[in-house]
């Protein structure tokens, strides 16, 4: 199977070269699709330089910041692989762990795999951040009758046809809640695999905040009960 790796980038000038190096070093049949989401810190210049040295990279530039979900939407237009893996550019997740994430797809019935940070002992960025993620996972389990431990993980892998079937609308970090809710509502199992995690602090550039958590909860609830219009409006206001 061919793997399409989507790397959303926003202001990661200090990390972008290293994450591309690590992803390229993985031994899989793959394509790498990078979407710079309106960076203003020099990331675009770094990506231009990478593109000139790496003809195998697909790099797209957004003129304005749209959010992680918006970057994924754009990247999906260029995907040609059988599987899609989301790789954040912040070095919190280790590409050397692709193997365990991809192995379950040898079974044709497996359609979605999440890498769970909570199935293995890992450092925590903060007490509030950790328990916020746990709360959203518990909320998803209650709403959808699931047994997930980490719906906000950055490592998500999908069969491409499934990800394209789902009408994703959110542009920001609510991508995690939206895609999870829509998959669970279809009664499609999500398999979790333990992964390692090296979190960075907000001072080091972490971007997610408490408002993103509230929007995620709103998405989970509205998708479960069949109305997404108000959740989409809330997300659009947040990203104006």
C-alpha atoms as a PDB file:
ATOM      1  CA  UNK A   1       0.000   0.000   0.000  1.00  0.00           C
ATOM      2  CA  UNK A   2       1.078   3.551  -0.666  1.00  0.00           C
ATOM      3  CA  UNK A   3       1.143   5.949   2.281  1.00  0.00           C
ATOM      4  CA  UNK A   4       0.284   9.632   1.908  1.00  0.00           C
ATOM      5  CA  UNK A   5       1.755  11.701   4.753  1.00  0.00           C
ATOM      6  CA  UNK A   6       0.132  15.101   5.292  1.00  0.00           C
ATOM      7  CA  UNK A   7       2.178  17.656   7.227  1.00  0.00           C
ATOM      8  CA  UNK A   8       0.256  20.832   8.183  1.00  0.00           C
ATOM      9  CA  UNK A   9       2.705  23.651   8.971  1.00  0.00           C
ATOM     10  CA  UNK A  10       2.136  26.964  10.715  1.00  0.00           C
ATOM     11  CA  UNK A  11       5.124  28.914  12.045  1.00  0.00           C
ATOM     12  CA  UNK A  12       7.485  25.968  12.503  1.00  0.00           C
ATOM     13  CA  UNK A  13      10.684  27.516  11.154  1.00  0.00           C
ATOM     14  CA  UNK A  14      12.826  25.772  13.774  1.00  0.00           C
ATOM     15  CA  UNK A  15      11.336  22.329  13.196  1.00  0.00           C
ATOM     16  CA  UNK A  16      10.316  21.969   9.566  1.00  0.00           C
ATOM     17  CA  UNK A  17      13.643  20.753   8.180  1.00  0.00           C
ATOM     18  CA  UNK A  18      14.045  18.179  10.945  1.00  0.00           C
ATOM     19  CA  UNK A  19      10.531  16.766  10.657  1.00  0.00           C
ATOM     20  CA  UNK A  20      10.879  16.407   6.883  1.00  0.00           C
ATOM     21  CA  UNK A  21      14.217  14.653   7.381  1.00  0.00           C
ATOM     22  CA  UNK A  22      12.673  12.213   9.862  1.00  0.00           C
ATOM     23  CA  UNK A  23       9.657  11.491   7.672  1.00  0.00           C
ATOM     24  CA  UNK A  24      11.784  10.972   4.565  1.00  0.00           C
ATOM     25  CA  UNK A  25      13.957   8.500   6.466  1.00  0.00           C
ATOM     26  CA  UNK A  26      11.020   6.124   7.071  1.00  0.00           C
ATOM     27  CA  UNK A  27      11.134   3.016   4.912  1.00  0.00           C
ATOM     28  CA  UNK A  28       7.694   2.995   3.322  1.00  0.00           C
ATOM     29  CA  UNK A  29       6.219   3.488  -0.125  1.00  0.00           C
ATOM     30  CA  UNK A  30       5.108   7.047   0.504  1.00  0.00           C
ATOM     31  CA  UNK A  31       4.407  10.543  -0.683  1.00  0.00           C
ATOM     32  CA  UNK A  32       4.836  13.638   1.476  1.00  0.00           C
ATOM     33  CA  UNK A  33       2.366  16.501   1.147  1.00  0.00           C
ATOM     34  CA  UNK A  34       3.161  19.668   3.104  1.00  0.00           C
ATOM     35  CA  UNK A  35       0.727  22.555   3.465  1.00  0.00           C
ATOM     36  CA  UNK A  36       2.105  25.790   4.861  1.00  0.00           C
ATOM     37  CA  UNK A  37      -0.891  27.451   6.461  1.00  0.00           C
ATOM     38  CA  UNK A  38       0.072  31.107   6.101  1.00  0.00           C
ATOM     39  CA  UNK A  39       3.274  31.038   8.173  1.00  0.00           C
ATOM     40  CA  UNK A  40       4.883  34.384   8.999  1.00  0.00           C
ATOM     41  CA  UNK A  41       8.075  33.255  10.765  1.00  0.00           C
ATOM     42  CA  UNK A  42      10.267  32.176   7.849  1.00  0.00           C
ATOM     43  CA  UNK A  43       8.832  28.666   7.469  1.00  0.00           C
ATOM     44  CA  UNK A  44       7.859  29.462   3.879  1.00  0.00           C
ATOM     45  CA  UNK A  45      11.440  30.289   2.954  1.00  0.00           C
ATOM     46  CA  UNK A  46      12.624  27.042   4.523  1.00  0.00           C
ATOM     47  CA  UNK A  47      10.003  25.117   2.574  1.00  0.00           C
ATOM     48  CA  UNK A  48      10.974  26.817  -0.680  1.00  0.00           C
ATOM     49  CA  UNK A  49      14.564  25.736  -0.069  1.00  0.00           C
ATOM     50  CA  UNK A  50      13.457  22.176   0.740  1.00  0.00           C
ATOM     51  CA  UNK A  51      11.391  22.000  -2.428  1.00  0.00           C
ATOM     52  CA  UNK A  52      14.363  23.052  -4.551  1.00  0.00           C
ATOM     53  CA  UNK A  53      16.406  20.169  -3.100  1.00  0.00           C
ATOM     54  CA  UNK A  54      13.646  17.540  -2.906  1.00  0.00           C
ATOM     55  CA  UNK A  55      11.648  17.040  -6.083  1.00  0.00           C
ATOM     56  CA  UNK A  56       9.585  14.329  -4.387  1.00  0.00           C
ATOM     57  CA  UNK A  57       7.953  16.752  -1.933  1.00  0.00           C
ATOM     58  CA  UNK A  58       4.546  18.257  -2.691  1.00  0.00           C
ATOM     59  CA  UNK A  59       4.392  21.665  -1.002  1.00  0.00           C
ATOM     60  CA  UNK A  60       1.364  23.965  -1.058  1.00  0.00           C
ATOM     61  CA  UNK A  61       1.155  27.464   0.409  1.00  0.00           C
ATOM     62  CA  UNK A  62      -1.943  29.089   1.899  1.00  0.00           C
ATOM     63  CA  UNK A  63      -1.933  32.874   1.556  1.00  0.00           C
ATOM     64  CA  UNK A  64      -3.718  33.167   4.906  1.00  0.00           C
ATOM     65  CA  UNK A  65      -3.924  30.994   7.985  1.00  0.00           C
ATOM     66  CA  UNK A  66      -6.945  28.693   7.834  1.00  0.00           C
ATOM     67  CA  UNK A  67      -6.206  26.214  10.626  1.00  0.00           C
ATOM     68  CA  UNK A  68      -5.091  22.594  10.812  1.00  0.00           C
ATOM     69  CA  UNK A  69      -8.329  21.280   9.344  1.00  0.00           C
ATOM     70  CA  UNK A  70      -8.074  23.708   6.447  1.00  0.00           C
ATOM     71  CA  UNK A  71      -4.548  22.510   5.690  1.00  0.00           C
ATOM     72  CA  UNK A  72      -5.716  18.886   5.708  1.00  0.00           C
ATOM     73  CA  UNK A  73      -8.606  19.730   3.357  1.00  0.00           C
ATOM     74  CA  UNK A  74      -6.150  21.244   0.889  1.00  0.00           C
ATOM     75  CA  UNK A  75      -3.695  18.349   1.132  1.00  0.00           C
ATOM     76  CA  UNK A  76      -6.419  15.781   0.431  1.00  0.00           C
ATOM     77  CA  UNK A  77      -6.743  17.155  -3.112  1.00  0.00           C
ATOM     78  CA  UNK A  78      -3.205  15.954  -3.822  1.00  0.00           C
ATOM     79  CA  UNK A  79      -3.335  12.562  -2.082  1.00  0.00           C
ATOM     80  CA  UNK A  80      -2.719   9.526  -4.304  1.00  0.00           C
ATOM     81  CA  UNK A  81      -2.011   6.903  -1.617  1.00  0.00           C
ATOM     82  CA  UNK A  82      -4.152   4.146  -0.154  1.00  0.00           C
ATOM     83  CA  UNK A  83      -3.649   5.417   3.411  1.00  0.00           C
ATOM     84  CA  UNK A  84      -3.465   8.932   4.832  1.00  0.00           C
ATOM     85  CA  UNK A  85      -1.382   9.691   7.933  1.00  0.00           C
ATOM     86  CA  UNK A  86      -1.407  13.088   9.645  1.00  0.00           C
ATOM     87  CA  UNK A  87       2.031  14.212  10.856  1.00  0.00           C
ATOM     88  CA  UNK A  88       2.315  17.401  12.908  1.00  0.00           C
ATOM     89  CA  UNK A  89       5.418  19.480  12.244  1.00  0.00           C
ATOM     90  CA  UNK A  90       6.226  20.252  15.874  1.00  0.00           C
ATOM     91  CA  UNK A  91       8.408  17.177  16.619  1.00  0.00           C
ATOM     92  CA  UNK A  92       6.058  15.975  19.355  1.00  0.00           C
ATOM     93  CA  UNK A  93       5.369  12.747  17.436  1.00  0.00           C
ATOM     94  CA  UNK A  94       8.062  10.341  16.215  1.00  0.00           C
ATOM     95  CA  UNK A  95       7.892   9.092  12.581  1.00  0.00           C
ATOM     96  CA  UNK A  96       9.944   6.042  13.572  1.00  0.00           C
ATOM     97  CA  UNK A  97       6.653   4.695  15.007  1.00  0.00           C
ATOM     98  CA  UNK A  98       4.850   4.525  11.664  1.00  0.00           C
ATOM     99  CA  UNK A  99       5.335   0.750  11.551  1.00  0.00           C
ATOM    100  CA  UNK A 100       2.984  -0.135  14.434  1.00  0.00           C
ATOM    101  CA  UNK A 101       0.440   2.420  13.208  1.00  0.00           C
ATOM    102  CA  UNK A 102       0.343   0.942   9.710  1.00  0.00           C
ATOM    103  CA  UNK A 103       0.582  -2.762  10.563  1.00  0.00           C
ATOM    104  CA  UNK A 104      -3.152  -3.182  11.404  1.00  0.00           C
ATOM    105  CA  UNK A 105      -4.098  -2.165   7.858  1.00  0.00           C
ATOM    106  CA  UNK A 106      -2.884  -5.545   6.633  1.00  0.00           C
ATOM    107  CA  UNK A 107      -6.319  -6.626   7.805  1.00  0.00           C
ATOM    108  CA  UNK A 108      -8.796  -5.338   5.169  1.00  0.00           C
ATOM    109  CA  UNK A 109     -11.501  -4.604   7.749  1.00  0.00           C
ATOM    110  CA  UNK A 110      -9.351  -2.031   9.575  1.00  0.00           C
ATOM    111  CA  UNK A 111     -10.178   1.454   8.321  1.00  0.00           C
ATOM    112  CA  UNK A 112      -8.918   3.819  11.034  1.00  0.00           C
ATOM    113  CA  UNK A 113      -5.998   3.720  13.486  1.00  0.00           C
ATOM    114  CA  UNK A 114      -5.195   6.302  16.173  1.00  0.00           C
ATOM    115  CA  UNK A 115      -1.893   6.494  18.023  1.00  0.00           C
ATOM    116  CA  UNK A 116      -2.744   6.831  21.706  1.00  0.00           C
ATOM    117  CA  UNK A 117      -0.448   8.754  24.037  1.00  0.00           C
ATOM    118  CA  UNK A 118      -2.419   7.413  27.001  1.00  0.00           C
ATOM    119  CA  UNK A 119      -1.763   3.720  26.420  1.00  0.00           C
ATOM    120  CA  UNK A 120       1.889   4.307  27.321  1.00  0.00           C
ATOM    121  CA  UNK A 121       3.537   6.403  30.018  1.00  0.00           C
ATOM    122  CA  UNK A 122       4.485   9.749  28.465  1.00  0.00           C
ATOM    123  CA  UNK A 123       5.429  13.230  29.670  1.00  0.00           C
ATOM    124  CA  UNK A 124       2.624  15.791  30.027  1.00  0.00           C
ATOM    125  CA  UNK A 125       2.708  19.394  28.868  1.00  0.00           C
ATOM    126  CA  UNK A 126       0.496  20.421  31.812  1.00  0.00           C
ATOM    127  CA  UNK A 127      -2.130  19.027  34.174  1.00  0.00           C
ATOM    128  CA  UNK A 128      -4.916  21.026  32.491  1.00  0.00           C
ATOM    129  CA  UNK A 129      -3.919  20.034  28.953  1.00  0.00           C
ATOM    130  CA  UNK A 130      -3.734  16.349  29.811  1.00  0.00           C
ATOM    131  CA  UNK A 131      -7.069  16.215  31.605  1.00  0.00           C
ATOM    132  CA  UNK A 132      -8.705  18.331  28.900  1.00  0.00           C
ATOM    133  CA  UNK A 133      -7.792  15.649  26.384  1.00  0.00           C
ATOM    134  CA  UNK A 134      -9.008  12.903  28.697  1.00  0.00           C
ATOM    135  CA  UNK A 135     -12.302  14.755  29.179  1.00  0.00           C
ATOM    136  CA  UNK A 136     -12.898  14.973  25.417  1.00  0.00           C
ATOM    137  CA  UNK A 137     -12.162  11.261  25.022  1.00  0.00           C
ATOM    138  CA  UNK A 138     -14.591  10.401  27.818  1.00  0.00           C
ATOM    139  CA  UNK A 139     -17.205  12.682  26.265  1.00  0.00           C
ATOM    140  CA  UNK A 140     -16.806  10.912  22.912  1.00  0.00           C
ATOM    141  CA  UNK A 141     -17.136   7.530  24.612  1.00  0.00           C
ATOM    142  CA  UNK A 142     -20.330   8.545  26.398  1.00  0.00           C
ATOM    143  CA  UNK A 143     -21.862  10.119  23.296  1.00  0.00           C
ATOM    144  CA  UNK A 144     -20.988   7.329  20.875  1.00  0.00           C
ATOM    145  CA  UNK A 145     -20.596   4.229  23.037  1.00  0.00           C
ATOM    146  CA  UNK A 146     -16.887   3.964  22.227  1.00  0.00           C
ATOM    147  CA  UNK A 147     -13.847   3.020  24.314  1.00  0.00           C
ATOM    148  CA  UNK A 148     -11.190   5.440  23.111  1.00  0.00           C
ATOM    149  CA  UNK A 149      -8.375   6.837  25.234  1.00  0.00           C
ATOM    150  CA  UNK A 150      -7.014   9.692  23.087  1.00  0.00           C
ATOM    151  CA  UNK A 151      -9.211  11.320  20.435  1.00  0.00           C
ATOM    152  CA  UNK A 152      -7.023  14.446  20.321  1.00  0.00           C
ATOM    153  CA  UNK A 153      -3.877  12.574  19.311  1.00  0.00           C
ATOM    154  CA  UNK A 154      -1.953  14.004  16.384  1.00  0.00           C
ATOM    155  CA  UNK A 155      -1.313  10.558  14.928  1.00  0.00           C
ATOM    156  CA  UNK A 156      -4.358   9.471  12.958  1.00  0.00           C
ATOM    157  CA  UNK A 157      -4.272   7.094   9.974  1.00  0.00           C
ATOM    158  CA  UNK A 158      -7.206   6.510   7.611  1.00  0.00           C
ATOM    159  CA  UNK A 159      -7.965   4.564   4.494  1.00  0.00           C
ATOM    160  CA  UNK A 160      -8.065   7.316   1.899  1.00  0.00           C
ATOM    161  CA  UNK A 161     -11.494   6.488   0.506  1.00  0.00           C
ATOM    162  CA  UNK A 162     -13.021   6.766   3.983  1.00  0.00           C
ATOM    163  CA  UNK A 163     -11.476  10.153   4.725  1.00  0.00           C
ATOM    164  CA  UNK A 164     -12.732  11.454   1.390  1.00  0.00           C
ATOM    165  CA  UNK A 165     -16.238  10.100   1.982  1.00  0.00           C
ATOM    166  CA  UNK A 166     -16.581  12.075   5.200  1.00  0.00           C
ATOM    167  CA  UNK A 167     -17.667  15.656   4.600  1.00  0.00           C
ATOM    168  CA  UNK A 168     -15.210  17.476   6.844  1.00  0.00           C
ATOM    169  CA  UNK A 169     -16.018  21.143   7.339  1.00  0.00           C
ATOM    170  CA  UNK A 170     -14.059  22.395  10.345  1.00  0.00           C
ATOM    171  CA  UNK A 171     -10.954  24.413   9.569  1.00  0.00           C
ATOM    172  CA  UNK A 172      -9.108  24.409  12.892  1.00  0.00           C
ATOM    173  CA  UNK A 173      -8.123  21.976  15.645  1.00  0.00           C
ATOM    174  CA  UNK A 174     -11.718  20.750  15.759  1.00  0.00           C
ATOM    175  CA  UNK A 175     -10.621  18.389  12.970  1.00  0.00           C
ATOM    176  CA  UNK A 176      -9.913  15.754  15.640  1.00  0.00           C
ATOM    177  CA  UNK A 177     -13.389  15.908  17.144  1.00  0.00           C
ATOM    178  CA  UNK A 178     -15.164  16.202  13.812  1.00  0.00           C
ATOM    179  CA  UNK A 179     -13.472  13.270  12.114  1.00  0.00           C
ATOM    180  CA  UNK A 180     -13.815  11.129  15.246  1.00  0.00           C
ATOM    181  CA  UNK A 181     -17.494  11.938  15.676  1.00  0.00           C
ATOM    182  CA  UNK A 182     -18.345  11.280  12.039  1.00  0.00           C
ATOM    183  CA  UNK A 183     -16.479   7.969  11.996  1.00  0.00           C
ATOM    184  CA  UNK A 184     -18.049   6.774  15.243  1.00  0.00           C
ATOM    185  CA  UNK A 185     -21.482   7.839  14.087  1.00  0.00           C
ATOM    186  CA  UNK A 186     -21.008   5.494  11.127  1.00  0.00           C
ATOM    187  CA  UNK A 187     -20.194   2.742  13.646  1.00  0.00           C
ATOM    188  CA  UNK A 188     -16.724   2.307  12.188  1.00  0.00           C
ATOM    189  CA  UNK A 189     -14.288   0.975  14.832  1.00  0.00           C
ATOM    190  CA  UNK A 190     -11.205   3.063  15.632  1.00  0.00           C
ATOM    191  CA  UNK A 191      -8.204   0.952  16.620  1.00  0.00           C
ATOM    192  CA  UNK A 192      -5.730   2.521  19.063  1.00  0.00           C
ATOM    193  CA  UNK A 193      -1.982   1.776  19.140  1.00  0.00           C
ATOM    194  CA  UNK A 194       0.345   2.996  21.951  1.00  0.00           C
ATOM    195  CA  UNK A 195       2.767   5.740  20.858  1.00  0.00           C
ATOM    196  CA  UNK A 196       5.429   7.890  22.467  1.00  0.00           C
ATOM    197  CA  UNK A 197       4.942  11.625  22.893  1.00  0.00           C
ATOM    198  CA  UNK A 198       7.362  14.467  23.599  1.00  0.00           C
ATOM    199  CA  UNK A 199       5.215  17.547  24.286  1.00  0.00           C
ATOM    200  CA  UNK A 200       6.445  21.088  23.978  1.00  0.00           C
ATOM    201  CA  UNK A 201       5.236  23.981  26.107  1.00  0.00           C
ATOM    202  CA  UNK A 202       3.236  27.009  25.003  1.00  0.00           C
ATOM    203  CA  UNK A 203       6.417  29.068  25.384  1.00  0.00           C
ATOM    204  CA  UNK A 204       8.023  26.726  22.856  1.00  0.00           C
ATOM    205  CA  UNK A 205       5.210  27.262  20.372  1.00  0.00           C
ATOM    206  CA  UNK A 206       2.281  25.005  21.336  1.00  0.00           C
ATOM    207  CA  UNK A 207      -0.814  26.482  19.698  1.00  0.00           C
ATOM    208  CA  UNK A 208      -3.915  24.683  20.995  1.00  0.00           C
ATOM    209  CA  UNK A 209      -5.912  26.372  23.785  1.00  0.00           C
ATOM    210  CA  UNK A 210      -9.020  26.009  25.941  1.00  0.00           C
ATOM    211  CA  UNK A 211     -11.319  27.527  23.303  1.00  0.00           C
ATOM    212  CA  UNK A 212     -10.266  24.773  20.902  1.00  0.00           C
ATOM    213  CA  UNK A 213     -11.399  22.269  23.530  1.00  0.00           C
ATOM    214  CA  UNK A 214     -14.827  23.889  23.823  1.00  0.00           C
ATOM    215  CA  UNK A 215     -15.246  23.886  20.046  1.00  0.00           C
ATOM    216  CA  UNK A 216     -14.246  20.208  19.957  1.00  0.00           C
ATOM    217  CA  UNK A 217     -16.883  19.343  22.583  1.00  0.00           C
ATOM    218  CA  UNK A 218     -19.473  21.282  20.598  1.00  0.00           C
ATOM    219  CA  UNK A 219     -18.603  19.314  17.451  1.00  0.00           C
ATOM    220  CA  UNK A 220     -18.813  15.962  19.226  1.00  0.00           C
ATOM    221  CA  UNK A 221     -22.232  16.815  20.627  1.00  0.00           C
ATOM    222  CA  UNK A 222     -23.747  18.306  17.487  1.00  0.00           C
ATOM    223  CA  UNK A 223     -22.500  15.506  15.229  1.00  0.00           C
ATOM    224  CA  UNK A 224     -23.929  12.922  17.615  1.00  0.00           C
ATOM    225  CA  UNK A 225     -27.379  14.512  17.551  1.00  0.00           C
ATOM    226  CA  UNK A 226     -27.403  15.335  13.869  1.00  0.00           C
ATOM    227  CA  UNK A 227     -26.885  19.090  13.575  1.00  0.00           C
ATOM    228  CA  UNK A 228     -23.563  20.587  12.525  1.00  0.00           C
ATOM    229  CA  UNK A 229     -24.614  24.039  11.339  1.00  0.00           C
ATOM    230  CA  UNK A 230     -24.161  25.836  14.663  1.00  0.00           C
ATOM    231  CA  UNK A 231     -20.843  24.087  15.396  1.00  0.00           C
ATOM    232  CA  UNK A 232     -19.548  25.174  11.989  1.00  0.00           C
ATOM    233  CA  UNK A 233     -20.616  28.778  12.674  1.00  0.00           C
ATOM    234  CA  UNK A 234     -18.817  28.729  16.037  1.00  0.00           C
ATOM    235  CA  UNK A 235     -15.635  27.412  14.445  1.00  0.00           C
ATOM    236  CA  UNK A 236     -15.732  30.015  11.669  1.00  0.00           C
ATOM    237  CA  UNK A 237     -16.076  32.820  14.221  1.00  0.00           C
ATOM    238  CA  UNK A 238     -13.113  31.458  16.168  1.00  0.00           C
ATOM    239  CA  UNK A 239     -10.887  31.514  13.072  1.00  0.00           C
ATOM    240  CA  UNK A 240     -11.868  34.940  11.697  1.00  0.00           C
END
